[in-house]
Amino acid sequence: MRAGHGTTFISGAPHRVGPGDVIHVPAGALHATIPDTGEHVELICFFPHPDLSHNVEESETELTIEEP
């Protein structure tokens, strides 16, 4: 993660993230990164397949974050 703070969800488990963090997402794991309120997040992503359509699948699962 280049900048900002937020929460990354991997298979439903929340993980706090910030600048300098590296996030490994296992193949097939449902995941999302949500910035903290008022934060601007910059991520660098690497995908295993050059065709993005092979890497992305939409989910019906809704993520919610409880702000402190």
C-alpha atoms as a PDB file:
ATOM      1  CA  MET A   1       0.000   0.000   0.000  1.00  0.00           C
ATOM      2  CA  ARG A   2       1.503   3.313  -1.050  1.00  0.00           C
ATOM      3  CA  ALA A   3      -0.656   5.771   0.871  1.00  0.00           C
ATOM      4  CA  GLY A   4      -3.660   6.042   3.161  1.00  0.00           C
ATOM      5  CA  HIS A   5      -5.205   3.812   5.792  1.00  0.00           C
ATOM      6  CA  GLY A   6      -8.102   1.412   5.657  1.00  0.00           C
ATOM      7  CA  THR A   7      -9.279  -2.138   6.076  1.00  0.00           C
ATOM      8  CA  THR A   8      -8.642  -5.050   3.745  1.00  0.00           C
ATOM      9  CA  PHE A   9     -11.092  -7.927   3.936  1.00  0.00           C
ATOM     10  CA  ILE A  10      -9.824 -11.344   2.848  1.00  0.00           C
ATOM     11  CA  SER A  11     -12.425 -14.119   2.965  1.00  0.00           C
ATOM     12  CA  GLY A  12     -14.433 -11.969   5.388  1.00  0.00           C
ATOM     13  CA  ALA A  13     -11.586 -11.367   7.849  1.00  0.00           C
ATOM     14  CA  PRO A  14     -10.689  -7.674   8.372  1.00  0.00           C
ATOM     15  CA  HIS A  15      -7.053  -6.531   8.401  1.00  0.00           C
ATOM     16  CA  ARG A  16      -5.975  -2.938   9.128  1.00  0.00           C
ATOM     17  CA  VAL A  17      -3.611  -1.633   6.443  1.00  0.00           C
ATOM     18  CA  GLY A  18      -1.460   1.440   5.903  1.00  0.00           C
ATOM     19  CA  PRO A  19       1.537   2.764   3.974  1.00  0.00           C
ATOM     20  CA  GLY A  20       4.251   0.145   3.413  1.00  0.00           C
ATOM     21  CA  ASP A  21       1.975  -2.840   4.025  1.00  0.00           C
ATOM     22  CA  VAL A  22       2.008  -5.742   1.584  1.00  0.00           C
ATOM     23  CA  ILE A  23      -1.200  -7.716   1.258  1.00  0.00           C
ATOM     24  CA  HIS A  24      -1.153 -11.259  -0.128  1.00  0.00           C
ATOM     25  CA  VAL A  25      -4.535 -12.510  -1.291  1.00  0.00           C
ATOM     26  CA  PRO A  26      -4.730 -16.282  -1.836  1.00  0.00           C
ATOM     27  CA  ALA A  27      -6.073 -17.409  -5.230  1.00  0.00           C
ATOM     28  CA  GLY A  28      -9.859 -17.426  -5.258  1.00  0.00           C
ATOM     29  CA  ALA A  29     -10.264 -15.507  -1.984  1.00  0.00           C
ATOM     30  CA  LEU A  30     -13.006 -12.890  -1.907  1.00  0.00           C
ATOM     31  CA  HIS A  31     -11.318  -9.591  -1.005  1.00  0.00           C
ATOM     32  CA  ALA A  32     -11.744  -5.828  -0.922  1.00  0.00           C
ATOM     33  CA  THR A  33      -9.895  -2.827   0.486  1.00  0.00           C
ATOM     34  CA  ILE A  34     -12.004  -0.003   1.926  1.00  0.00           C
ATOM     35  CA  PRO A  35     -10.352   3.319   2.835  1.00  0.00           C
ATOM     36  CA  ASP A  36     -10.993   4.947   6.196  1.00  0.00           C
ATOM     37  CA  THR A  37     -13.453   7.846   6.100  1.00  0.00           C
ATOM     38  CA  GLY A  38     -11.742  10.883   4.583  1.00  0.00           C
ATOM     39  CA  GLU A  39      -8.665   8.898   3.493  1.00  0.00           C
ATOM     40  CA  HIS A  40      -7.198   8.696  -0.001  1.00  0.00           C
ATOM     41  CA  VAL A  41      -5.745   5.225  -0.597  1.00  0.00           C
ATOM     42  CA  GLU A  42      -3.155   4.290  -3.226  1.00  0.00           C
ATOM     43  CA  LEU A  43      -2.614   0.599  -3.987  1.00  0.00           C
ATOM     44  CA  ILE A  44      -0.323  -1.223  -6.381  1.00  0.00           C
ATOM     45  CA  CYS A  45      -1.862  -4.489  -7.569  1.00  0.00           C
ATOM     46  CA  PHE A  46      -0.273  -7.429  -9.347  1.00  0.00           C
ATOM     47  CA  PHE A  47      -2.510  -9.912 -11.139  1.00  0.00           C
ATOM     48  CA  PRO A  48      -1.670 -13.525 -12.056  1.00  0.00           C
ATOM     49  CA  HIS A  49      -3.186 -13.306 -15.540  1.00  0.00           C
ATOM     50  CA  PRO A  50      -2.611 -10.540 -18.128  1.00  0.00           C
ATOM     51  CA  ASP A  51      -6.317 -10.490 -19.089  1.00  0.00           C
ATOM     52  CA  LEU A  52      -8.105  -8.713 -16.213  1.00  0.00           C
ATOM     53  CA  SER A  53     -11.379 -10.522 -16.992  1.00  0.00           C
ATOM     54  CA  HIS A  54      -9.705 -13.734 -15.734  1.00  0.00           C
ATOM     55  CA  ASN A  55      -8.856 -12.055 -12.412  1.00  0.00           C
ATOM     56  CA  VAL A  56     -12.074 -10.276 -11.442  1.00  0.00           C
ATOM     57  CA  GLU A  57     -15.350 -11.733 -10.229  1.00  0.00           C
ATOM     58  CA  GLU A  58     -18.126  -9.622  -8.724  1.00  0.00           C
ATOM     59  CA  SER A  59     -19.674 -10.690  -5.428  1.00  0.00           C
ATOM     60  CA  GLU A  60     -23.119 -10.195  -3.929  1.00  0.00           C
ATOM     61  CA  THR A  61     -21.556  -9.993  -0.434  1.00  0.00           C
ATOM     62  CA  GLU A  62     -21.862  -6.556   1.184  1.00  0.00           C
ATOM     63  CA  LEU A  63     -18.988  -5.303   3.333  1.00  0.00           C
ATOM     64  CA  THR A  64     -19.601  -3.045   6.305  1.00  0.00           C
ATOM     65  CA  ILE A  65     -17.050  -1.316   8.500  1.00  0.00           C
ATOM     66  CA  GLU A  66     -17.651  -0.096  12.017  1.00  0.00           C
ATOM     67  CA  GLU A  67     -15.822   3.204  12.501  1.00  0.00           C
ATOM     68  CA  PRO A  68     -14.131   3.631  15.911  1.00  0.00           C
END
